[in-house]
């Protein structure tokens, strides 16, 4: 049985669920972490490929429920212990309208700057202004942004010996990424992590982002 939509058919070893309402599409059961690939296809479809003038970057902590902490400890479980307990971080990029562009998961005890370049590598940033808070002011991050033909709008730390200039009026737009985190945490399954595997949790993050984009 073939599925309508972006994927022509269920992958090998998968199956399709029948539509539950008139006009709805059948959804494939995707084994081996294929669920995140499927939802990311839809997310990219709604988003489209374009160049953004302003991109805001930040992360937010997600409380990990005890049900998500069982099983074998593996490298693909982005769970870390912080002062407040077990947490996962969602790193996100949003555009100048506050719409989500890309996501990445990390352990809750990882510093924001550690995964900044890895996240930005997934986005075409040429010609864009990258807005981020002081935590992203590391030289390696600024050099990566400049090397890709983009501009960084990141305030320097107070202890920097040679602070760089910043366009503070433009920096005010960074609040859009905070607004997006507030929206996506309306979804209970995002606000608290109940999924043991990263692929399951991140797949629902993409699904929630699609809902925000189309509503």
C-alpha atoms as a PDB file:
ATOM      1  CA  UNK A   1       0.000   0.000   0.000  1.00  0.00           C
ATOM      2  CA  UNK A   2       1.412   3.358  -1.019  1.00  0.00           C
ATOM      3  CA  UNK A   3       1.194   6.548   0.985  1.00  0.00           C
ATOM      4  CA  UNK A   4       0.273   9.892  -0.526  1.00  0.00           C
ATOM      5  CA  UNK A   5       2.316  12.941   0.383  1.00  0.00           C
ATOM      6  CA  UNK A   6       6.035  13.613   0.148  1.00  0.00           C
ATOM      7  CA  UNK A   7       7.048   9.979   0.518  1.00  0.00           C
ATOM      8  CA  UNK A   8       5.803   7.801  -2.337  1.00  0.00           C
ATOM      9  CA  UNK A   9       5.617   4.618  -0.299  1.00  0.00           C
ATOM     10  CA  UNK A  10       6.438   3.185   3.071  1.00  0.00           C
ATOM     11  CA  UNK A  11      10.099   2.121   3.308  1.00  0.00           C
ATOM     12  CA  UNK A  12      11.218  -1.474   3.421  1.00  0.00           C
ATOM     13  CA  UNK A  13       9.919  -3.090   6.585  1.00  0.00           C
ATOM     14  CA  UNK A  14       7.323  -0.341   7.126  1.00  0.00           C
ATOM     15  CA  UNK A  15       3.593  -0.146   6.635  1.00  0.00           C
ATOM     16  CA  UNK A  16       0.899   2.479   6.199  1.00  0.00           C
ATOM     17  CA  UNK A  17      -1.883   3.411   8.554  1.00  0.00           C
ATOM     18  CA  UNK A  18      -5.216   4.025   6.887  1.00  0.00           C
ATOM     19  CA  UNK A  19      -6.534   7.614   6.805  1.00  0.00           C
ATOM     20  CA  UNK A  20      -8.744   8.381   9.802  1.00  0.00           C
ATOM     21  CA  UNK A  21     -10.793  11.151   8.172  1.00  0.00           C
ATOM     22  CA  UNK A  22     -12.006  12.063   4.658  1.00  0.00           C
ATOM     23  CA  UNK A  23      -9.230  13.745   2.720  1.00  0.00           C
ATOM     24  CA  UNK A  24      -6.523  12.834   5.212  1.00  0.00           C
ATOM     25  CA  UNK A  25      -3.306  11.113   4.190  1.00  0.00           C
ATOM     26  CA  UNK A  26      -2.129   7.737   5.361  1.00  0.00           C
ATOM     27  CA  UNK A  27       0.898   7.932   7.612  1.00  0.00           C
ATOM     28  CA  UNK A  28       3.788   5.442   7.305  1.00  0.00           C
ATOM     29  CA  UNK A  29       5.113   3.479  10.232  1.00  0.00           C
ATOM     30  CA  UNK A  30       8.828   4.170   9.846  1.00  0.00           C
ATOM     31  CA  UNK A  31      11.260   1.813  11.591  1.00  0.00           C
ATOM     32  CA  UNK A  32      14.814   2.501  12.763  1.00  0.00           C
ATOM     33  CA  UNK A  33      14.462   6.214  13.462  1.00  0.00           C
ATOM     34  CA  UNK A  34      12.871   6.979  10.082  1.00  0.00           C
ATOM     35  CA  UNK A  35      10.127   8.951  11.840  1.00  0.00           C
ATOM     36  CA  UNK A  36      12.323  12.036  12.239  1.00  0.00           C
ATOM     37  CA  UNK A  37      13.270  11.938   8.537  1.00  0.00           C
ATOM     38  CA  UNK A  38       9.599  11.772   7.608  1.00  0.00           C
ATOM     39  CA  UNK A  39       8.547  14.771   9.726  1.00  0.00           C
ATOM     40  CA  UNK A  40      11.604  16.752   8.677  1.00  0.00           C
ATOM     41  CA  UNK A  41      10.515  16.274   5.035  1.00  0.00           C
ATOM     42  CA  UNK A  42       7.169  17.869   5.859  1.00  0.00           C
ATOM     43  CA  UNK A  43       8.846  20.614   7.884  1.00  0.00           C
ATOM     44  CA  UNK A  44      11.176  21.484   4.985  1.00  0.00           C
ATOM     45  CA  UNK A  45       8.212  21.388   2.607  1.00  0.00           C
ATOM     46  CA  UNK A  46       6.289  24.004   4.611  1.00  0.00           C
ATOM     47  CA  UNK A  47       9.389  26.085   5.248  1.00  0.00           C
ATOM     48  CA  UNK A  48      10.864  26.177   1.753  1.00  0.00           C
ATOM     49  CA  UNK A  49      14.490  26.946   0.923  1.00  0.00           C
ATOM     50  CA  UNK A  50      15.353  30.621   0.982  1.00  0.00           C
ATOM     51  CA  UNK A  51      17.800  33.176   2.295  1.00  0.00           C
ATOM     52  CA  UNK A  52      16.780  34.901   5.519  1.00  0.00           C
ATOM     53  CA  UNK A  53      17.780  38.456   6.360  1.00  0.00           C
ATOM     54  CA  UNK A  54      17.727  37.873  10.132  1.00  0.00           C
ATOM     55  CA  UNK A  55      18.255  34.569  11.942  1.00  0.00           C
ATOM     56  CA  UNK A  56      18.063  34.259  15.725  1.00  0.00           C
ATOM     57  CA  UNK A  57      19.806  31.433  17.582  1.00  0.00           C
ATOM     58  CA  UNK A  58      19.280  30.222  21.135  1.00  0.00           C
ATOM     59  CA  UNK A  59      18.484  27.158  23.242  1.00  0.00           C
ATOM     60  CA  UNK A  60      15.985  26.188  25.913  1.00  0.00           C
ATOM     61  CA  UNK A  61      16.025  23.516  28.607  1.00  0.00           C
ATOM     62  CA  UNK A  62      13.445  20.726  28.643  1.00  0.00           C
ATOM     63  CA  UNK A  63      12.780  18.791  31.832  1.00  0.00           C
ATOM     64  CA  UNK A  64      13.275  15.058  31.337  1.00  0.00           C
ATOM     65  CA  UNK A  65      10.559  12.895  32.871  1.00  0.00           C
ATOM     66  CA  UNK A  66      11.672   9.813  34.790  1.00  0.00           C
ATOM     67  CA  UNK A  67      10.007   7.621  32.146  1.00  0.00           C
ATOM     68  CA  UNK A  68      12.538   8.902  29.581  1.00  0.00           C
ATOM     69  CA  UNK A  69      15.543   8.037  31.709  1.00  0.00           C
ATOM     70  CA  UNK A  70      15.312   4.259  31.566  1.00  0.00           C
ATOM     71  CA  UNK A  71      17.067   1.806  29.310  1.00  0.00           C
ATOM     72  CA  UNK A  72      20.677   1.589  28.263  1.00  0.00           C
ATOM     73  CA  UNK A  73      22.793   4.746  28.390  1.00  0.00           C
ATOM     74  CA  UNK A  74      23.911   5.468  24.831  1.00  0.00           C
ATOM     75  CA  UNK A  75      25.551   8.361  23.005  1.00  0.00           C
ATOM     76  CA  UNK A  76      22.353   9.188  21.095  1.00  0.00           C
ATOM     77  CA  UNK A  77      20.441  10.166  24.241  1.00  0.00           C
ATOM     78  CA  UNK A  78      20.750  13.917  24.738  1.00  0.00           C
ATOM     79  CA  UNK A  79      20.122  13.910  28.481  1.00  0.00           C
ATOM     80  CA  UNK A  80      22.368  15.625  31.020  1.00  0.00           C
ATOM     81  CA  UNK A  81      22.219  16.303  34.730  1.00  0.00           C
ATOM     82  CA  UNK A  82      22.046  19.928  35.849  1.00  0.00           C
ATOM     83  CA  UNK A  83      21.367  21.594  39.164  1.00  0.00           C
ATOM     84  CA  UNK A  84      17.640  21.220  38.505  1.00  0.00           C
ATOM     85  CA  UNK A  85      17.836  17.538  37.592  1.00  0.00           C
ATOM     86  CA  UNK A  86      17.885  15.791  34.212  1.00  0.00           C
ATOM     87  CA  UNK A  87      17.416  18.070  31.204  1.00  0.00           C
ATOM     88  CA  UNK A  88      17.618  18.134  27.422  1.00  0.00           C
ATOM     89  CA  UNK A  89      18.385  21.293  25.450  1.00  0.00           C
ATOM     90  CA  UNK A  90      16.632  22.229  22.232  1.00  0.00           C
ATOM     91  CA  UNK A  91      18.843  24.474  20.115  1.00  0.00           C
ATOM     92  CA  UNK A  92      16.874  26.372  17.482  1.00  0.00           C
ATOM     93  CA  UNK A  93      17.209  28.861  14.656  1.00  0.00           C
ATOM     94  CA  UNK A  94      14.227  31.081  13.786  1.00  0.00           C
ATOM     95  CA  UNK A  95      13.807  33.579  10.964  1.00  0.00           C
ATOM     96  CA  UNK A  96      12.917  37.273  11.064  1.00  0.00           C
ATOM     97  CA  UNK A  97       9.242  36.426  11.561  1.00  0.00           C
ATOM     98  CA  UNK A  98       9.891  34.069  14.442  1.00  0.00           C
ATOM     99  CA  UNK A  99       9.219  30.964  12.363  1.00  0.00           C
ATOM    100  CA  UNK A 100      11.375  27.889  13.087  1.00  0.00           C
ATOM    101  CA  UNK A 101      14.146  27.032  10.648  1.00  0.00           C
ATOM    102  CA  UNK A 102      16.260  24.261  12.217  1.00  0.00           C
ATOM    103  CA  UNK A 103      16.695  22.271  15.441  1.00  0.00           C
ATOM    104  CA  UNK A 104      19.347  20.304  17.302  1.00  0.00           C
ATOM    105  CA  UNK A 105      19.309  18.420  20.614  1.00  0.00           C
ATOM    106  CA  UNK A 106      22.016  18.289  23.255  1.00  0.00           C
ATOM    107  CA  UNK A 107      22.410  17.298  26.882  1.00  0.00           C
ATOM    108  CA  UNK A 108      21.096  19.876  29.320  1.00  0.00           C
ATOM    109  CA  UNK A 109      24.531  20.452  30.868  1.00  0.00           C
ATOM    110  CA  UNK A 110      26.179  21.392  27.541  1.00  0.00           C
ATOM    111  CA  UNK A 111      27.025  25.064  27.042  1.00  0.00           C
ATOM    112  CA  UNK A 112      25.061  26.794  24.285  1.00  0.00           C
ATOM    113  CA  UNK A 113      28.175  27.709  22.299  1.00  0.00           C
ATOM    114  CA  UNK A 114      29.371  24.076  22.020  1.00  0.00           C
ATOM    115  CA  UNK A 115      26.765  23.199  19.374  1.00  0.00           C
ATOM    116  CA  UNK A 116      26.359  26.609  17.702  1.00  0.00           C
ATOM    117  CA  UNK A 117      28.468  25.886  14.617  1.00  0.00           C
ATOM    118  CA  UNK A 118      26.964  22.406  14.231  1.00  0.00           C
ATOM    119  CA  UNK A 119      23.498  23.980  14.222  1.00  0.00           C
ATOM    120  CA  UNK A 120      24.376  26.797  11.822  1.00  0.00           C
ATOM    121  CA  UNK A 121      25.938  24.306   9.400  1.00  0.00           C
ATOM    122  CA  UNK A 122      22.433  23.024   8.713  1.00  0.00           C
ATOM    123  CA  UNK A 123      21.206  26.450   7.563  1.00  0.00           C
ATOM    124  CA  UNK A 124      22.139  28.622   4.590  1.00  0.00           C
ATOM    125  CA  UNK A 125      23.275  31.770   6.409  1.00  0.00           C
ATOM    126  CA  UNK A 126      24.987  33.657   3.559  1.00  0.00           C
ATOM    127  CA  UNK A 127      23.783  37.261   3.510  1.00  0.00           C
ATOM    128  CA  UNK A 128      21.991  36.938   6.860  1.00  0.00           C
ATOM    129  CA  UNK A 129      22.377  38.663  10.208  1.00  0.00           C
ATOM    130  CA  UNK A 130      22.901  36.088  12.974  1.00  0.00           C
ATOM    131  CA  UNK A 131      21.391  37.301  16.254  1.00  0.00           C
ATOM    132  CA  UNK A 132      22.430  35.581  19.486  1.00  0.00           C
ATOM    133  CA  UNK A 133      23.145  36.418  23.113  1.00  0.00           C
ATOM    134  CA  UNK A 134      26.537  36.770  24.802  1.00  0.00           C
ATOM    135  CA  UNK A 135      26.918  33.000  25.231  1.00  0.00           C
ATOM    136  CA  UNK A 136      27.570  32.721  21.474  1.00  0.00           C
ATOM    137  CA  UNK A 137      30.344  35.310  21.378  1.00  0.00           C
ATOM    138  CA  UNK A 138      33.207  32.808  21.088  1.00  0.00           C
ATOM    139  CA  UNK A 139      35.765  33.638  18.423  1.00  0.00           C
ATOM    140  CA  UNK A 140      35.261  30.330  16.602  1.00  0.00           C
ATOM    141  CA  UNK A 141      31.530  31.046  16.196  1.00  0.00           C
ATOM    142  CA  UNK A 142      32.088  34.610  14.991  1.00  0.00           C
ATOM    143  CA  UNK A 143      34.735  33.466  12.517  1.00  0.00           C
ATOM    144  CA  UNK A 144      32.423  30.757  11.163  1.00  0.00           C
ATOM    145  CA  UNK A 145      29.614  33.290  10.614  1.00  0.00           C
ATOM    146  CA  UNK A 146      31.907  35.802   8.911  1.00  0.00           C
ATOM    147  CA  UNK A 147      33.473  33.060   6.789  1.00  0.00           C
ATOM    148  CA  UNK A 148      30.049  32.163   5.391  1.00  0.00           C
ATOM    149  CA  UNK A 149      29.337  35.701   4.223  1.00  0.00           C
ATOM    150  CA  UNK A 150      27.011  36.513   7.128  1.00  0.00           C
ATOM    151  CA  UNK A 151      27.117  39.161   9.855  1.00  0.00           C
ATOM    152  CA  UNK A 152      26.928  38.459  13.575  1.00  0.00           C
ATOM    153  CA  UNK A 153      24.909  40.580  15.978  1.00  0.00           C
ATOM    154  CA  UNK A 154      26.220  39.170  19.255  1.00  0.00           C
ATOM    155  CA  UNK A 155      27.086  41.318  22.284  1.00  0.00           C
ATOM    156  CA  UNK A 156      30.583  40.767  23.685  1.00  0.00           C
ATOM    157  CA  UNK A 157      31.107  39.491  27.195  1.00  0.00           C
ATOM    158  CA  UNK A 158      31.883  42.241  29.725  1.00  0.00           C
ATOM    159  CA  UNK A 159      35.361  40.821  30.341  1.00  0.00           C
ATOM    160  CA  UNK A 160      36.409  40.868  26.660  1.00  0.00           C
ATOM    161  CA  UNK A 161      39.559  42.941  26.226  1.00  0.00           C
ATOM    162  CA  UNK A 162      38.698  44.067  22.687  1.00  0.00           C
ATOM    163  CA  UNK A 163      34.897  44.302  22.402  1.00  0.00           C
ATOM    164  CA  UNK A 164      33.415  44.508  18.924  1.00  0.00           C
ATOM    165  CA  UNK A 165      30.679  46.945  17.863  1.00  0.00           C
ATOM    166  CA  UNK A 166      27.067  45.759  17.818  1.00  0.00           C
ATOM    167  CA  UNK A 167      23.916  47.117  16.219  1.00  0.00           C
ATOM    168  CA  UNK A 168      21.728  47.206  19.353  1.00  0.00           C
ATOM    169  CA  UNK A 169      18.567  48.239  17.504  1.00  0.00           C
ATOM    170  CA  UNK A 170      18.754  45.090  15.375  1.00  0.00           C
ATOM    171  CA  UNK A 171      19.675  42.963  18.389  1.00  0.00           C
ATOM    172  CA  UNK A 172      16.230  43.690  19.859  1.00  0.00           C
ATOM    173  CA  UNK A 173      14.783  41.303  17.250  1.00  0.00           C
ATOM    174  CA  UNK A 174      16.428  38.378  19.055  1.00  0.00           C
ATOM    175  CA  UNK A 175      13.366  38.106  21.286  1.00  0.00           C
ATOM    176  CA  UNK A 176      11.648  36.225  18.431  1.00  0.00           C
ATOM    177  CA  UNK A 177      13.497  33.017  19.283  1.00  0.00           C
ATOM    178  CA  UNK A 178      12.350  33.322  22.904  1.00  0.00           C
ATOM    179  CA  UNK A 179       8.779  33.818  21.691  1.00  0.00           C
ATOM    180  CA  UNK A 180       9.079  30.675  19.580  1.00  0.00           C
ATOM    181  CA  UNK A 181      10.226  28.606  22.564  1.00  0.00           C
ATOM    182  CA  UNK A 182       7.211  29.873  24.470  1.00  0.00           C
ATOM    183  CA  UNK A 183       4.933  28.741  21.638  1.00  0.00           C
ATOM    184  CA  UNK A 184       6.452  25.299  21.199  1.00  0.00           C
ATOM    185  CA  UNK A 185       6.201  24.619  24.928  1.00  0.00           C
ATOM    186  CA  UNK A 186       2.436  24.822  24.604  1.00  0.00           C
ATOM    187  CA  UNK A 187       2.823  21.233  23.411  1.00  0.00           C
ATOM    188  CA  UNK A 188       3.089  19.118  26.545  1.00  0.00           C
ATOM    189  CA  UNK A 189       5.218  16.460  24.860  1.00  0.00           C
ATOM    190  CA  UNK A 190       7.803  19.154  24.074  1.00  0.00           C
ATOM    191  CA  UNK A 191       7.588  21.037  27.375  1.00  0.00           C
ATOM    192  CA  UNK A 192       8.488  17.812  29.182  1.00  0.00           C
ATOM    193  CA  UNK A 193      10.484  15.038  27.547  1.00  0.00           C
ATOM    194  CA  UNK A 194       8.780  11.649  27.869  1.00  0.00           C
ATOM    195  CA  UNK A 195      10.620   9.944  24.979  1.00  0.00           C
ATOM    196  CA  UNK A 196      13.677   7.839  25.735  1.00  0.00           C
ATOM    197  CA  UNK A 197      15.225   8.206  22.269  1.00  0.00           C
ATOM    198  CA  UNK A 198      16.344  11.460  20.677  1.00  0.00           C
ATOM    199  CA  UNK A 199      14.810  10.534  17.333  1.00  0.00           C
ATOM    200  CA  UNK A 200      11.351  10.168  18.877  1.00  0.00           C
ATOM    201  CA  UNK A 201      11.550  13.409  20.835  1.00  0.00           C
ATOM    202  CA  UNK A 202      13.020  15.454  17.970  1.00  0.00           C
ATOM    203  CA  UNK A 203      10.411  14.071  15.563  1.00  0.00           C
ATOM    204  CA  UNK A 204       7.670  15.530  17.740  1.00  0.00           C
ATOM    205  CA  UNK A 205       9.560  18.840  17.944  1.00  0.00           C
ATOM    206  CA  UNK A 206       9.389  19.005  14.135  1.00  0.00           C
ATOM    207  CA  UNK A 207       5.701  18.048  14.225  1.00  0.00           C
ATOM    208  CA  UNK A 208       4.974  20.817  16.738  1.00  0.00           C
ATOM    209  CA  UNK A 209       6.938  23.269  14.555  1.00  0.00           C
ATOM    210  CA  UNK A 210       4.780  22.317  11.562  1.00  0.00           C
ATOM    211  CA  UNK A 211       1.655  23.053  13.595  1.00  0.00           C
ATOM    212  CA  UNK A 212       3.055  26.472  14.521  1.00  0.00           C
ATOM    213  CA  UNK A 213       3.905  27.211  10.872  1.00  0.00           C
ATOM    214  CA  UNK A 214       0.502  26.316   9.440  1.00  0.00           C
ATOM    215  CA  UNK A 215      -1.809  27.616  12.177  1.00  0.00           C
END
